[in-house]
Structures are given as C-alpha cells and as structure tokens.
Amino acid sequence: MSVAAIILAAGKGTRMRSKRAKVLHELGGEPMIARAIRAVAALEPEPIVIVVGHQAREVEAAVGFSKARFALQEPQRGTGDAARCGLSQVPASFTGDVFIAYGDMPAITPVTLRAFLDAHRKRGAKLSFISIILDDPAAYGRVIRDGGGEVEKIVEFRDASPAERAIKEINTGFYLVDAAILRSALAELKPGNAQDEYYLTDIVAIARARNAKVEAWVAANPAQFAGINSREELANMETEIRAAVNRRLMQSGVTLVDPPTAYISEQAEIAPDCVIGPNVQIIGTCKLGEGVRIDGTAWLSNVTIGPRCHLKLGVRAEDCSIGEESEIGPFANLRAGTELAGHNRIGNFVETKKARLGRGTKASHLSYLGDATIGADTNIGCGVITVNYDGYDKHQTVIGDRCMVGCDTQMVAPVKVGNDVFVASGTTIVRDVSDGSLVLSHHPQREKAGWMATWRKRHGQR
C-alpha cells in the first residue's frame, strides 16, 4: 500500500522570539526540520510535501531532500489549512494513506513511525493518530473517548471544558488518513473556534460522523513527541542529543576527556582509540581514523582525518582532508579544499585554502598557502605567502618535490617552482623556476653608521 507524506513547517514560532522560522533553528548541527524529514523519509513515502510559509525560501533551502515537493501556505490559518495546502501537491489519483507530521518535532524516530504505520494497517483504520499519556498534559489537545473506549474527537485545550482538560491522553499531531477521507474532511473544516483557525484535529470527529474506523495508537515513549517551542526547549533537546552521541562514542572505544564540552554531530564517524579533548566541536560528516588525538578547543566541520593524527590546541578545519600521522596546530586554520597527503606538519598560525600538500611536506609556522599544489617532502619556511589574488581572479602556485622554501618568501601566482629547488629567504618569485635551481632576489645590504643617534637627537631624545 502506498503512502504520501505532508510535513507542516509554515509557522513563525513566535515563542522562539526570533526572526528566523522555527524549523530553521539547529539541533545537532543541522536545521531541526532536516531531522523530522529524515524520520519520515524512512517510510519511503511518495510524494513528501513540505508546507512552507514564513521564510519559505529559506526553509526550502534548508530541507536538503531532493525528492521533496513544496506547498505555500499564505496566510497561515491553522493546521487544517496547512494540511489542505499540502494535499494540493499530492496527485488527485493517489488512493493510499497520507501521513501528516510536523517539522518542529525532531525527536521522532523511524522505528516509531514504522510501528505506527503497521498498527494502522493491521487495525484496518481509515484514520489513525498517535496519542500519549502525560501526567501533566498542559495545553495539548485532549483525546475524547466514548463509553466504549472508542475515539470520539479531539478537543483543543483552548476550547476544552474543565472536565475535558482533566483528561491525560493527548494528541501528538501525527496522523495516517485514507486519502479520500482526508480530502473530503479537509473540505468540511470551518474556523468556528477560539483562534478562528482551521483545526486539523476536527477531521477526527468528521471521520467518526461518517462511521469511518478511527484509531488512537498510544505511543510508549512520550519524549519522542516533544515539540520545540522555545529557546529553552531547543537547548534541552540539544543537550539530550549530545549526551546520547557521547555515550555511544564512549561505548565504542572513544575517549572524551570532558564529555559535557564535546559537541559532536550524529553524522560524525569516530574510530576507536581516538582521544577528544575539552571544548571540541565536530560538526557535520566528519570522519576520524583510529588513534586521532585532538588536544582541545578545536572546531571541525566535514573533515576527514587519517589514523594517528595529532591536532593541537586551537585548530580550525572545514571541508578538507588530513592524511595519516599528520600534526596540525596549535592555532592552524585549514580552510575548504585543503588536502594533506599524510605525514604533514601544519604549524602555528598557518592558513591553507584549496591547497594540496604532498606526503611529508611541512609548513611549520606563520604562512599562507592558498590555491597551491605542493609536492612531497617540501619544507615551507616561516612567513611564506602564495600571492594568489590580483584583485579580480585567483591564480595557482605549483611547488615541486623536495623543495626548501626560505622564510619571508612571496610567490606571485600564477607561478611554478620545479623539483629540488632552494628558495633563499626574502625572495619574491614572479617567474617559473626550473628543477634543481637556487633562486634569490636579494638586494645589496647598506649601512649608515651613526644614523640612530642622529634620529634620536632629531626627536629630542638622548
């Protein structure tokens, strides 16, 4: 049986006190809506429709799911209206079940959603929704059952009587509905409530009135249905996610020196015997090989690190790869496109960008290597700069194998330095250098004896 999915993500999230749409706020290093979509996508629905409204373009860009379709809800007049907008992107010929979920409930798991779908089909229901039992149901919609225990309707908290508010079974907002029933029920919705909105919850009473089989599937884990409505709730869920990731890593053989300050994404792959120091952020799809050591205060995003590398204090790296047994830092900045072949040394205050360094090549301190290809076993001295930008375009520098590049050298790109070249300190290279050469651009040293005393006297100093 086929399934379509509608994910509601049009709201502003006013309680977040933010100009950003609520679903764009990040959890575990990614927008919360990405987490919700990933769980729904595990059911393999076709199509998946995302209902957008506030900051629609930004939300569409953040989804990161190529198969998604989008429906615009403008203005936002409640969940029922949002579902109606989403259903407009489901083909009229579709006859299966429509799954409805929310972009601001990122803790839900594919396992739970699959169990819900299986129960819906096993019971032969035309409409099912997920409910949970809470000791303190707060302002959630209440599930109203008849004397026989059958679901009668859902009443929103604002419209509930004191007796209904005492009920502890609440609606989570996750639905599976036969497409034909959903189309007709949404067409009947009216905004006759305290909020003057179209409530999606009203489809339950409409389906019951038509004698359709309605089921509430009571989930065993209420925590999965926690929504994000405030900065505090966002921070609390971030803490839970991070703690779960850290527990999993430590159980797999990774040492976290100070787990509360290790911020590691769920997508990161970290091999056994890695040691992660304090105040480290490992974001996105990082991969760390066996025995990597990170001393602390590092920021890594989408970085691949080979076995037995050592990242010293204060390393920043993004969208790059570091070969095995390399030593990085302290205070090194590896920008996007950096590729280190292995056994490399990138020392303090060295910055690289789109730089490919061969095996064994070193740049130990205070250099900038941008748009450069450097061969194996080359030494880059202190203060070396690849002058890659002419004000309009970036240009390439190529340095060969086994070169010795002296301190305070500038290489004005585009330029190519051959193999086995010795570059004297203070050289400015503006033309290609052939293999095996010594290259220098020294000026004669001049001295003016006694000049300092004259200069001081001129300024009234003895």
Protein backbone atom coordinates (compact mmCIF):
# COMPACT_ATOMS: atom_id res chain seq x y z
CA MET A 1 0.00 0.00 0.00
CA SER A 2 1.29 3.43 -0.96
CA VAL A 3 1.93 6.29 1.46
CA ALA A 4 2.24 10.02 0.86
CA ALA A 5 3.54 12.42 3.49
CA ILE A 6 2.80 16.02 4.41
CA ILE A 7 5.12 17.80 6.83
CA LEU A 8 3.81 21.05 8.28
CA ALA A 9 6.54 23.69 8.55
CA ALA A 10 4.89 27.04 7.80
CA GLY A 11 4.73 28.66 11.24
CA LYS A 12 6.76 31.53 12.64
CA GLY A 13 7.34 30.04 16.08
CA THR A 14 6.68 33.30 17.90
CA ARG A 15 7.67 31.87 21.29
CA MET A 16 11.22 31.42 19.97
CA ARG A 17 11.48 35.23 19.95
CA SER A 18 13.37 35.03 16.68
CA LYS A 19 13.19 36.47 13.18
CA ARG A 20 14.12 33.01 11.87
CA ALA A 21 11.46 30.43 11.15
CA LYS A 22 11.30 27.94 13.99
CA VAL A 23 12.18 24.91 11.87
CA LEU A 24 15.43 26.59 10.78
CA HIS A 25 16.88 26.59 14.29
CA GLU A 26 19.59 23.96 14.58
CA LEU A 27 19.78 20.75 16.56
CA GLY A 28 22.85 18.55 16.46
CA GLY A 29 24.41 20.81 13.84
CA GLU A 30 21.53 20.81 11.34
CA PRO A 31 18.13 22.53 10.98
CA MET A 32 15.53 20.73 13.07
CA ILE A 33 13.33 20.20 10.01
CA ALA A 34 16.06 18.04 8.45
CA ARG A 35 15.78 15.62 11.36
CA ALA A 36 12.00 15.40 11.04
CA ILE A 37 12.20 14.80 7.29
CA ARG A 38 14.80 12.06 7.73
CA ALA A 39 12.50 10.15 10.09
CA VAL A 40 9.51 10.47 7.75
CA ALA A 41 11.56 9.59 4.66
CA ALA A 42 12.40 6.21 6.23
CA LEU A 43 8.79 5.19 5.46
CA GLU A 44 9.58 5.78 1.75
CA PRO A 45 6.51 7.93 1.09
CA GLU A 46 5.82 9.28 -2.38
CA PRO A 47 5.47 12.19 -2.54
CA ILE A 48 6.82 14.05 0.51
CA VAL A 49 5.26 17.50 0.63
CA ILE A 50 6.67 20.25 2.87
CA VAL A 51 4.20 23.01 3.71
CA VAL A 52 6.10 26.29 3.99
CA GLY A 53 5.02 29.81 4.84
CA HIS A 54 7.18 32.06 7.00
CA GLN A 55 10.60 32.42 5.31
CA ALA A 56 9.51 29.89 2.72
CA ARG A 57 12.61 30.14 0.52
CA GLU A 58 14.97 29.72 3.45
CA VAL A 59 13.07 26.66 4.67
CA GLU A 60 13.09 25.11 1.20
CA ALA A 61 16.85 25.63 1.00
CA ALA A 62 17.37 24.02 4.42
CA VAL A 63 15.37 20.87 3.68
CA GLY A 64 18.19 19.17 1.79
CA PHE A 65 15.90 16.44 0.43
CA SER A 66 15.85 16.30 -3.34
CA LYS A 67 12.55 14.44 -3.62
CA ALA A 68 10.56 16.94 -1.58
CA ARG A 69 7.73 18.98 -3.02
CA PHE A 70 6.67 22.28 -1.50
CA ALA A 71 3.31 23.90 -0.87
CA LEU A 72 2.96 27.53 0.21
CA GLN A 73 0.52 28.39 3.00
CA GLU A 74 -0.14 32.11 2.87
CA PRO A 75 -1.61 33.37 5.13
CA GLN A 76 -1.23 30.83 7.93
CA ARG A 77 -4.70 29.93 9.19
CA GLY A 78 -4.13 26.83 11.23
CA THR A 79 -3.05 23.23 10.83
CA GLY A 80 -6.14 22.22 8.88
CA ASP A 81 -5.48 24.90 6.30
CA ALA A 82 -1.81 23.84 6.17
CA ALA A 83 -2.77 20.22 5.52
CA ARG A 84 -5.13 21.35 2.78
CA CYS A 85 -2.28 23.26 1.12
CA GLY A 86 -0.05 20.20 1.37
CA LEU A 87 -2.69 17.90 -0.07
CA SER A 88 -2.83 20.09 -3.19
CA GLN A 89 0.62 18.71 -4.09
CA VAL A 90 -0.49 15.08 -3.76
CA PRO A 91 -1.80 13.75 -7.10
CA ALA A 92 -5.59 13.56 -7.31
CA SER A 93 -5.23 9.94 -8.43
CA PHE A 94 -3.45 8.96 -5.18
CA THR A 95 -5.53 6.39 -3.24
CA GLY A 96 -3.27 5.31 -0.36
CA ASP A 97 -2.72 6.71 3.13
CA VAL A 98 -1.47 10.22 3.80
CA PHE A 99 0.93 10.63 6.70
CA ILE A 100 0.89 14.04 8.40
CA ALA A 101 3.78 15.17 10.62
CA TYR A 102 5.44 18.34 11.90
CA GLY A 103 8.78 19.95 11.15
CA ASP A 104 9.26 21.13 14.73
CA MET A 105 9.09 17.68 16.36
CA PRO A 106 12.61 16.42 15.61
CA ALA A 107 12.93 13.68 18.25
CA ILE A 108 10.65 11.20 16.49
CA THR A 109 12.35 8.03 15.22
CA PRO A 110 11.76 5.95 12.08
CA VAL A 111 11.16 2.88 14.28
CA THR A 112 8.22 4.57 15.99
CA LEU A 113 6.73 5.79 12.73
CA ARG A 114 7.03 2.32 11.18
CA ALA A 115 5.27 0.76 14.19
CA PHE A 116 2.51 3.36 13.85
CA LEU A 117 2.06 2.58 10.15
CA ASP A 118 1.97 -1.18 10.80
CA ALA A 119 -0.64 -0.75 13.56
CA HIS A 120 -2.78 1.47 11.31
CA ARG A 121 -2.85 -1.14 8.58
CA LYS A 122 -3.29 -4.10 10.93
CA ARG A 123 -6.35 -2.49 12.52
CA GLY A 124 -7.84 -1.59 9.15
CA ALA A 125 -8.34 2.02 10.23
CA LYS A 126 -9.28 4.83 7.88
CA LEU A 127 -7.82 7.42 10.24
CA SER A 128 -5.23 6.84 12.92
CA PHE A 129 -3.33 9.29 15.07
CA ILE A 130 -0.64 8.93 17.71
CA SER A 131 -1.58 9.75 21.28
CA ILE A 132 0.43 9.70 24.51
CA ILE A 133 -0.40 9.74 28.21
CA LEU A 134 1.06 12.59 30.24
CA ASP A 135 0.85 13.26 33.97
CA ASP A 136 0.82 16.96 33.12
CA PRO A 137 -0.86 17.33 29.70
CA ALA A 138 -0.55 21.13 29.82
CA ALA A 139 -2.06 22.89 26.79
CA TYR A 140 -2.17 19.96 24.38
CA GLY A 141 -5.33 18.80 22.65
CA ARG A 142 -7.24 16.16 24.60
CA VAL A 143 -8.41 12.81 23.20
CA ILE A 144 -12.10 12.32 23.94
CA ARG A 145 -13.37 8.73 24.01
CA ASP A 146 -16.91 7.42 24.30
CA GLY A 147 -18.23 5.00 26.93
CA GLY A 148 -16.88 2.04 24.96
CA GLY A 149 -13.37 3.48 24.78
CA GLU A 150 -13.61 4.41 21.12
CA VAL A 151 -12.16 7.71 19.94
CA GLU A 152 -14.86 10.30 19.57
CA LYS A 153 -12.97 13.52 18.85
CA ILE A 154 -10.00 15.69 19.75
CA VAL A 155 -10.61 18.93 21.61
CA GLU A 156 -8.03 21.70 21.61
CA PHE A 157 -7.10 22.96 25.08
CA ARG A 158 -8.46 26.45 24.44
CA ASP A 159 -11.86 25.01 23.56
CA ALA A 160 -11.95 22.25 26.22
CA SER A 161 -14.25 22.20 29.25
CA PRO A 162 -12.77 21.73 32.76
CA ALA A 163 -13.72 18.04 32.64
CA GLU A 164 -12.04 17.58 29.25
CA ARG A 165 -8.92 19.37 30.46
CA ALA A 166 -8.61 16.77 33.22
CA ILE A 167 -8.03 14.04 30.60
CA LYS A 168 -4.39 12.92 30.41
CA GLU A 169 -4.41 11.36 26.93
CA ILE A 170 -3.27 13.95 24.42
CA ASN A 171 -2.94 14.17 20.65
CA THR A 172 0.62 14.38 19.26
CA GLY A 173 -0.47 15.65 15.85
CA PHE A 174 0.81 12.67 13.83
CA TYR A 175 -1.86 11.22 11.53
CA LEU A 176 -2.37 8.50 8.95
CA VAL A 177 -5.52 9.11 6.91
CA ASP A 178 -7.08 7.47 3.89
CA ALA A 179 -6.58 9.96 1.06
CA ALA A 180 -10.25 10.09 0.03
CA ILE A 181 -11.42 10.69 3.61
CA LEU A 182 -8.74 13.33 4.14
CA ARG A 183 -9.78 15.26 1.03
CA SER A 184 -13.43 15.35 1.97
CA ALA A 185 -12.81 16.02 5.68
CA LEU A 186 -10.48 18.95 4.98
CA ALA A 187 -13.10 20.42 2.66
CA GLU A 188 -15.59 20.46 5.57
CA LEU A 189 -13.37 22.26 8.06
CA LYS A 190 -14.70 25.53 9.46
CA PRO A 191 -12.90 28.13 11.61
CA GLY A 192 -15.51 28.10 14.38
CA ASN A 193 -13.14 28.14 17.37
CA ALA A 194 -11.34 30.44 19.77
CA GLN A 195 -8.46 31.00 17.36
CA ASP A 196 -10.60 31.48 14.23
CA GLU A 197 -8.41 28.85 12.56
CA TYR A 198 -8.96 25.62 10.65
CA TYR A 199 -8.08 22.85 13.12
CA LEU A 200 -6.69 19.64 11.67
CA THR A 201 -7.95 17.85 14.80
CA ASP A 202 -11.53 18.33 13.62
CA ILE A 203 -11.06 15.66 10.93
CA VAL A 204 -11.33 13.02 13.68
CA ALA A 205 -14.93 13.97 14.54
CA ILE A 206 -15.77 14.29 10.83
CA ALA A 207 -14.44 10.78 10.13
CA ARG A 208 -16.38 9.36 13.10
CA ALA A 209 -19.58 11.01 11.87
CA ARG A 210 -19.14 9.06 8.63
CA ASN A 211 -18.69 5.80 10.54
CA ALA A 212 -15.08 5.52 9.38
CA LYS A 213 -12.84 3.43 11.62
CA VAL A 214 -10.76 5.81 13.78
CA GLU A 215 -7.92 4.60 16.00
CA ALA A 216 -5.62 6.28 18.51
CA TRP A 217 -2.27 4.49 18.69
CA VAL A 218 -0.87 5.12 22.17
CA ALA A 219 2.90 5.50 21.92
CA ALA A 220 5.08 4.13 24.72
CA ASN A 221 7.73 6.86 24.64
CA PRO A 222 6.25 10.35 25.10
CA ALA A 223 9.69 12.00 24.93
CA GLN A 224 9.86 11.40 21.17
CA PHE A 225 6.92 13.73 20.68
CA ALA A 226 8.42 16.74 22.39
CA GLY A 227 7.98 19.80 20.22
CA ILE A 228 10.32 22.78 20.12
CA ASN A 229 8.55 25.98 21.07
CA SER A 230 11.17 27.97 22.96
CA ARG A 231 14.91 28.52 23.21
CA GLU A 232 14.94 26.59 26.47
CA GLU A 233 13.28 23.56 24.87
CA LEU A 234 15.76 23.80 21.99
CA ALA A 235 18.70 23.84 24.39
CA ASN A 236 17.30 20.94 26.43
CA MET A 237 16.88 18.75 23.36
CA GLU A 238 20.35 19.69 22.13
CA THR A 239 21.75 18.53 25.48
CA GLU A 240 19.89 15.21 25.20
CA ILE A 241 21.09 14.62 21.64
CA ARG A 242 24.68 15.45 22.52
CA ALA A 243 24.65 13.22 25.60
CA ALA A 244 23.31 10.30 23.56
CA VAL A 245 26.01 10.78 20.89
CA ASN A 246 28.75 10.97 23.52
CA ARG A 247 27.52 7.82 25.28
CA ARG A 248 27.53 5.91 22.01
CA LEU A 249 31.05 7.08 21.17
CA MET A 250 32.48 6.21 24.59
CA GLN A 251 30.87 2.78 24.40
CA SER A 252 32.57 2.25 21.03
CA GLY A 253 36.05 2.99 22.42
CA VAL A 254 36.44 6.76 22.05
CA THR A 255 37.88 8.78 24.94
CA LEU A 256 36.13 12.06 25.72
CA VAL A 257 38.26 13.94 28.22
CA ASP A 258 35.37 16.19 29.25
CA PRO A 259 32.09 14.85 27.80
CA PRO A 260 29.93 17.89 28.70
CA THR A 261 32.12 20.08 26.45
CA ALA A 262 32.32 17.68 23.49
CA TYR A 263 29.87 18.82 20.80
CA ILE A 264 29.81 16.03 18.22
CA SER A 265 27.29 15.59 15.41
CA GLU A 266 25.33 12.39 14.96
CA GLN A 267 26.72 12.07 11.43
CA ALA A 268 30.34 12.03 12.61
CA GLU A 269 32.28 8.74 12.36
CA ILE A 270 34.99 8.39 15.02
CA ALA A 271 37.13 5.27 15.22
CA PRO A 272 38.23 3.55 18.46
CA ASP A 273 41.15 4.88 20.46
CA CYS A 274 40.55 8.47 19.41
CA VAL A 275 41.02 10.99 22.22
CA ILE A 276 38.84 14.11 22.14
CA GLY A 277 39.92 16.91 24.48
CA PRO A 278 37.80 19.62 26.10
CA ASN A 279 35.84 22.25 24.17
CA VAL A 280 35.82 20.44 20.82
CA GLN A 281 33.13 20.84 18.16
CA ILE A 282 32.93 18.12 15.50
CA ILE A 283 30.22 19.16 13.07
CA GLY A 284 28.66 17.54 10.03
CA THR A 285 30.04 14.42 8.34
CA CYS A 286 33.49 14.33 9.94
CA LYS A 287 35.46 11.08 9.84
CA LEU A 288 38.28 10.44 12.30
CA GLY A 289 40.58 7.46 11.85
CA GLU A 290 41.88 5.24 14.63
CA GLY A 291 44.11 6.86 17.22
CA VAL A 292 43.45 10.50 16.32
CA ARG A 293 44.16 12.88 19.20
CA ILE A 294 42.56 16.33 19.49
CA ASP A 295 44.02 18.30 22.38
CA GLY A 296 41.11 20.71 22.74
CA THR A 297 39.38 23.94 21.70
CA ALA A 298 39.01 22.77 18.11
CA TRP A 299 36.30 23.40 15.50
CA LEU A 300 35.96 20.79 12.74
CA SER A 301 33.31 20.67 10.03
CA ASN A 302 33.09 17.98 7.33
CA VAL A 303 36.72 16.97 7.81
CA THR A 304 38.30 13.58 7.12
CA ILE A 305 41.28 12.83 9.38
CA GLY A 306 43.52 9.82 8.85
CA PRO A 307 44.78 7.49 11.58
CA ARG A 308 47.13 8.68 14.32
CA CYS A 309 46.94 12.37 13.51
CA HIS A 310 47.51 14.91 16.28
CA LEU A 311 45.51 18.14 16.32
CA LYS A 312 46.94 20.55 18.85
CA LEU A 313 45.15 23.33 20.68
CA GLY A 314 43.04 25.77 18.69
CA VAL A 315 42.75 24.04 15.30
CA ARG A 316 40.01 25.11 12.90
CA ALA A 317 39.30 22.99 9.80
CA GLU A 318 36.42 22.67 7.36
CA ASP A 319 35.69 20.74 4.17
CA CYS A 320 39.17 19.27 3.96
CA SER A 321 41.12 16.04 4.35
CA ILE A 322 44.15 15.31 6.54
CA GLY A 323 46.27 12.26 5.77
CA GLU A 324 47.59 9.82 8.35
CA GLU A 325 50.13 10.70 11.04
CA SER A 326 49.95 14.42 10.42
CA GLU A 327 50.49 17.08 13.07
CA ILE A 328 48.28 20.18 12.95
CA GLY A 329 48.48 23.33 15.06
CA PRO A 330 48.41 24.84 17.51
CA PHE A 331 46.21 27.61 16.09
CA ALA A 332 46.15 26.43 12.47
CA ASN A 333 43.34 27.22 10.05
CA LEU A 334 42.63 24.65 7.31
CA ARG A 335 40.03 26.14 5.00
CA ALA A 336 37.85 24.42 2.42
CA GLY A 337 39.65 22.44 -0.26
CA THR A 338 42.78 21.66 1.75
CA GLU A 339 44.16 18.17 1.08
CA LEU A 340 47.09 16.78 3.07
CA ALA A 341 48.51 13.52 1.71
CA GLY A 342 49.86 12.33 5.07
CA HIS A 343 52.83 12.74 7.42
CA ASN A 344 52.36 16.50 7.11
CA ARG A 345 53.06 19.26 9.57
CA ILE A 346 50.90 22.40 9.60
CA GLY A 347 52.09 24.53 12.48
CA ASN A 348 51.01 27.55 14.46
CA PHE A 349 49.28 30.38 12.60
CA VAL A 350 49.42 28.67 9.22
CA GLU A 351 46.40 29.12 6.96
CA THR A 352 45.64 26.92 3.97
CA LYS A 353 42.91 27.24 1.35
CA LYS A 354 42.47 24.94 -1.67
CA ALA A 355 45.98 23.75 -1.00
CA ARG A 356 47.17 20.23 -1.81
CA LEU A 357 50.29 19.17 0.07
CA GLY A 358 52.23 16.04 -0.81
CA ARG A 359 53.34 13.41 1.64
CA GLY A 360 55.82 14.64 4.23
CA THR A 361 55.55 18.32 3.31
CA LYS A 362 55.69 20.81 6.19
CA ALA A 363 54.66 24.41 6.83
CA SER A 364 55.59 24.94 10.45
CA HIS A 365 54.56 28.50 11.20
CA LEU A 366 53.11 31.83 10.07
CA SER A 367 52.41 31.12 6.39
CA TYR A 368 49.51 31.43 3.95
CA LEU A 369 49.13 28.74 1.30
CA GLY A 370 46.15 29.42 -0.97
CA ASP A 371 45.30 27.91 -4.36
CA ALA A 372 48.52 25.92 -4.22
CA THR A 373 49.77 22.47 -5.17
CA ILE A 374 52.92 21.44 -3.30
CA GLY A 375 54.81 18.20 -3.86
CA ALA A 376 56.24 15.69 -1.38
CA ASP A 377 58.93 16.31 1.24
CA THR A 378 58.99 20.07 0.72
CA ASN A 379 59.65 22.50 3.58
CA ILE A 380 57.77 25.79 3.66
CA GLY A 381 59.55 28.31 5.87
CA CYS A 382 58.14 30.94 8.20
CA GLY A 383 56.22 33.80 6.60
CA VAL A 384 55.80 32.24 3.15
CA ILE A 385 52.87 33.59 1.14
CA THR A 386 51.33 32.38 -2.10
CA VAL A 387 50.11 35.65 -3.61
CA ASN A 388 47.05 34.17 -5.29
CA TYR A 389 44.68 37.15 -5.78
CA ASP A 390 45.18 40.00 -8.25
CA GLY A 391 42.07 41.89 -7.23
CA TYR A 392 39.86 40.10 -9.76
CA ASP A 393 40.87 36.44 -10.08
CA LYS A 394 42.58 33.71 -8.06
CA HIS A 395 45.71 32.11 -9.53
CA GLN A 396 47.59 28.87 -8.90
CA THR A 397 51.01 28.30 -7.36
CA VAL A 398 52.76 24.97 -8.03
CA ILE A 399 55.79 23.90 -5.97
CA GLY A 400 57.56 20.61 -6.69
CA ASP A 401 59.01 17.82 -4.56
CA ARG A 402 61.91 18.18 -2.10
CA CYS A 403 62.00 21.96 -2.21
CA MET A 404 63.34 24.23 0.52
CA VAL A 405 61.37 27.49 0.59
CA GLY A 406 63.07 30.06 2.81
CA CYS A 407 61.42 32.42 5.27
CA ASP A 408 59.60 35.55 4.13
CA THR A 409 59.13 34.35 0.55
CA GLN A 410 56.34 35.59 -1.68
CA MET A 411 55.24 33.58 -4.71
CA VAL A 412 53.26 35.77 -7.08
CA ALA A 413 50.84 33.46 -8.88
CA PRO A 414 50.50 32.10 -11.44
CA VAL A 415 53.93 30.61 -10.95
CA LYS A 416 55.56 27.19 -10.99
CA VAL A 417 58.60 26.11 -8.97
CA GLY A 418 60.20 22.85 -10.07
CA ASN A 419 61.55 19.91 -8.06
CA ASP A 420 64.60 20.15 -5.79
CA VAL A 421 64.57 23.97 -5.74
CA PHE A 422 66.16 26.01 -2.95
CA VAL A 423 64.46 29.39 -2.44
CA ALA A 424 66.56 31.83 -0.42
CA SER A 425 64.96 33.78 2.41
CA GLY A 426 63.30 37.06 1.47
CA THR A 427 62.79 36.09 -2.17
CA THR A 428 59.91 37.31 -4.32
CA ILE A 429 59.23 34.83 -7.14
CA VAL A 430 57.43 36.24 -10.18
CA ARG A 431 58.59 33.76 -12.85
CA ASP A 432 58.75 29.97 -13.13
CA VAL A 433 61.81 28.29 -11.57
CA SER A 434 63.45 25.25 -13.19
CA ASP A 435 64.33 21.99 -11.40
CA GLY A 436 67.37 21.96 -9.14
CA SER A 437 67.86 25.73 -9.02
CA LEU A 438 68.77 28.20 -6.32
CA VAL A 439 66.52 31.22 -6.63
CA LEU A 440 67.00 34.53 -4.81
CA SER A 441 66.14 38.18 -5.18
CA HIS A 442 68.41 39.79 -2.58
CA HIS A 443 69.32 43.47 -2.68
CA PRO A 444 72.77 44.65 -1.50
CA GLN A 445 72.81 45.37 2.22
CA ARG A 446 73.56 49.02 3.02
CA GLU A 447 74.55 50.64 6.31
CA LYS A 448 74.66 54.26 7.53
CA ALA A 449 76.95 54.45 10.54
CA GLY A 450 75.72 56.63 13.41
CA TRP A 451 72.25 57.10 11.90
CA MET A 452 70.41 56.06 15.09
CA ALA A 453 71.99 58.75 17.26
CA THR A 454 71.08 61.40 14.68
CA TRP A 455 67.48 60.14 14.55
CA ARG A 456 67.10 60.28 18.34
CA LYS A 457 68.55 63.78 18.54
CA ARG A 458 66.10 64.93 15.90
CA HIS A 459 63.27 63.74 18.19
CA GLY A 460 64.67 65.33 21.31
CA GLN A 461 65.97 62.11 22.83
CA ARG A 462 69.41 61.37 24.24
